[in-house]
Amino acid sequence: MNVKELLNTTDRFAAAAGCRITEADAQHAVAVMTVTPQHLNGGHVCQGGALFTLADLAIAALMNCRGQLTFGIQNNILFVSSAREGDVLTAEAVSVCDHHKIPSVEVRVTTGDGRLVCHVTGLGYRKSASLPTE
């Protein structure tokens, strides 16, 4: 099972939030989510935690592509614009440095028309253990 299939199956929180990985390789990963009423905050826009969950899934897909268990150790998120109900969001993670222990990535979350919603940076810690297969 590849990392895309594995995380789409085992990351139950992201799946329950409506996020899924569509692409994943050693240099980039893509996750998508459609903003639904369950994602909205009191201001009727997509809640920041939902945006972070989408970005975090893309980060996990990219960082775990080597097959080694990698956990996030630091993330920063910059909210640029609001996402609204019905927006189809894409989170594209790209490798900044694929260090053997501390990889780093950048993620852009955009709407279907290319509007930037948020920018996320992340650092991970790559363990010597293999990525669990179930």
Protein backbone atom coordinates (compact mmCIF):
# COMPACT_ATOMS: atom_id res chain seq x y z
CA MET A 1 0.00 0.00 0.00
CA ASN A 2 1.45 3.41 -0.92
CA VAL A 3 1.44 6.40 1.44
CA LYS A 4 -1.55 7.99 -0.32
CA GLU A 5 -3.73 4.92 0.15
CA LEU A 6 -2.38 4.28 3.63
CA LEU A 7 -3.04 7.76 5.03
CA ASN A 8 -6.44 8.01 3.30
CA THR A 9 -7.32 4.85 5.24
CA THR A 10 -5.58 5.36 8.59
CA ASP A 11 -5.84 9.12 9.23
CA ARG A 12 -9.37 8.91 10.54
CA PHE A 13 -9.50 12.49 11.83
CA ALA A 14 -8.63 13.96 8.43
CA ALA A 15 -11.06 11.59 6.70
CA ALA A 16 -13.87 12.57 9.08
CA ALA A 17 -13.12 16.22 8.25
CA GLY A 18 -13.58 15.46 4.54
CA CYS A 19 -9.88 15.62 3.60
CA ARG A 20 -8.21 13.17 1.24
CA ILE A 21 -4.83 12.85 -0.45
CA THR A 22 -4.89 12.86 -4.25
CA GLU A 23 -1.15 12.86 -4.98
CA ALA A 24 1.99 11.99 -3.03
CA ASP A 25 5.61 11.50 -3.99
CA ALA A 26 9.02 12.43 -2.58
CA GLN A 27 8.82 16.06 -3.74
CA HIS A 28 5.18 17.08 -3.30
CA ALA A 29 1.80 15.98 -2.04
CA VAL A 30 -1.73 17.23 -2.63
CA ALA A 31 -4.78 16.97 -0.37
CA VAL A 32 -8.28 18.26 -1.13
CA MET A 33 -11.39 19.18 0.83
CA THR A 34 -14.71 20.78 -0.05
CA VAL A 35 -15.88 23.31 2.55
CA THR A 36 -19.21 22.13 3.98
CA PRO A 37 -21.43 23.52 6.76
CA GLN A 38 -19.51 21.38 9.29
CA HIS A 39 -16.33 23.38 8.51
CA LEU A 40 -17.84 26.81 9.19
CA ASN A 41 -17.10 28.96 12.23
CA GLY A 42 -19.34 31.60 13.85
CA GLY A 43 -18.40 34.09 11.12
CA HIS A 44 -19.72 31.70 8.44
CA VAL A 45 -16.26 31.07 6.93
CA CYS A 46 -14.07 27.98 7.09
CA GLN A 47 -12.68 27.44 10.57
CA GLY A 48 -8.88 27.68 10.85
CA GLY A 49 -8.58 24.21 12.34
CA ALA A 50 -10.20 22.71 9.24
CA LEU A 51 -7.70 24.54 7.04
CA PHE A 52 -4.84 23.33 9.21
CA THR A 53 -6.12 19.74 9.12
CA LEU A 54 -6.10 19.84 5.31
CA ALA A 55 -2.57 21.28 5.20
CA ASP A 56 -1.35 18.85 7.86
CA LEU A 57 -2.57 15.87 5.83
CA ALA A 58 -0.59 17.08 2.80
CA ILE A 59 2.46 17.54 5.05
CA ALA A 60 2.07 14.03 6.46
CA ALA A 61 1.79 12.52 2.98
CA LEU A 62 4.96 14.23 1.80
CA MET A 63 7.04 13.61 4.92
CA ASN A 64 6.07 9.95 5.15
CA CYS A 65 6.74 9.11 1.48
CA ARG A 66 10.08 7.50 2.40
CA GLY A 67 8.20 4.89 4.39
CA GLN A 68 9.73 6.06 7.68
CA LEU A 69 7.39 7.22 10.42
CA THR A 70 7.59 11.03 10.55
CA PHE A 71 5.78 13.27 13.03
CA GLY A 72 5.26 17.01 12.88
CA ILE A 73 7.26 18.96 15.45
CA GLN A 74 6.52 22.55 14.41
CA ASN A 75 4.03 24.22 12.11
CA ASN A 76 3.17 27.82 11.34
CA ILE A 77 0.07 28.99 9.52
CA LEU A 78 -0.64 32.35 7.93
CA PHE A 79 -4.28 33.00 7.04
CA VAL A 80 -4.50 35.18 3.92
CA SER A 81 -8.17 35.03 2.92
CA SER A 82 -11.36 33.25 3.93
CA ALA A 83 -12.75 30.08 2.43
CA ARG A 84 -16.52 29.78 2.19
CA GLU A 85 -19.03 26.96 2.00
CA GLY A 86 -18.75 25.21 -1.37
CA ASP A 87 -15.11 26.16 -1.97
CA VAL A 88 -13.02 23.23 -3.15
CA LEU A 89 -9.67 23.63 -1.42
CA THR A 90 -6.35 22.18 -2.51
CA ALA A 91 -3.35 21.92 -0.21
CA GLU A 92 -0.11 21.41 -2.12
CA ALA A 93 2.92 20.57 0.00
CA VAL A 94 6.42 20.87 -1.48
CA SER A 95 9.67 19.75 0.04
CA VAL A 96 11.99 22.54 1.19
CA CYS A 97 14.62 20.24 2.70
CA ASP A 98 14.33 16.45 2.78
CA HIS A 99 16.76 16.07 5.69
CA HIS A 100 17.12 12.50 6.92
CA LYS A 101 15.91 13.48 10.43
CA ILE A 102 14.31 16.96 10.25
CA PRO A 103 12.47 17.46 6.92
CA SER A 104 10.79 20.77 6.16
CA VAL A 105 7.91 21.61 3.84
CA GLU A 106 5.79 24.51 2.63
CA VAL A 107 2.08 24.25 1.87
CA ARG A 108 -0.20 26.55 -0.09
CA VAL A 109 -3.93 26.08 0.42
CA THR A 110 -5.87 27.54 -2.50
CA THR A 111 -9.43 27.66 -3.81
CA GLY A 112 -10.47 26.19 -7.15
CA ASP A 113 -9.83 29.51 -8.87
CA GLY A 114 -6.30 29.72 -7.45
CA ARG A 115 -6.92 32.19 -4.64
CA LEU A 116 -4.50 31.71 -1.73
CA VAL A 117 -6.33 30.96 1.53
CA CYS A 118 -3.38 30.14 3.79
CA HIS A 119 0.32 29.35 3.77
CA VAL A 120 1.76 26.72 6.12
CA THR A 121 5.32 25.75 6.94
CA GLY A 122 6.20 22.58 8.77
CA LEU A 123 9.09 20.71 10.31
CA GLY A 124 9.02 17.01 11.05
CA TYR A 125 10.99 14.46 12.99
CA ARG A 126 11.73 11.32 11.01
CA LYS A 127 12.05 8.23 13.19
CA SER A 128 13.97 5.10 12.31
CA ALA A 129 10.75 3.06 12.56
CA SER A 130 8.83 2.15 9.45
CA LEU A 131 5.47 3.74 8.72
CA PRO A 132 2.75 1.44 10.14
CA THR A 133 0.85 -0.35 7.39
CA GLU A 134 -2.51 -0.49 9.18
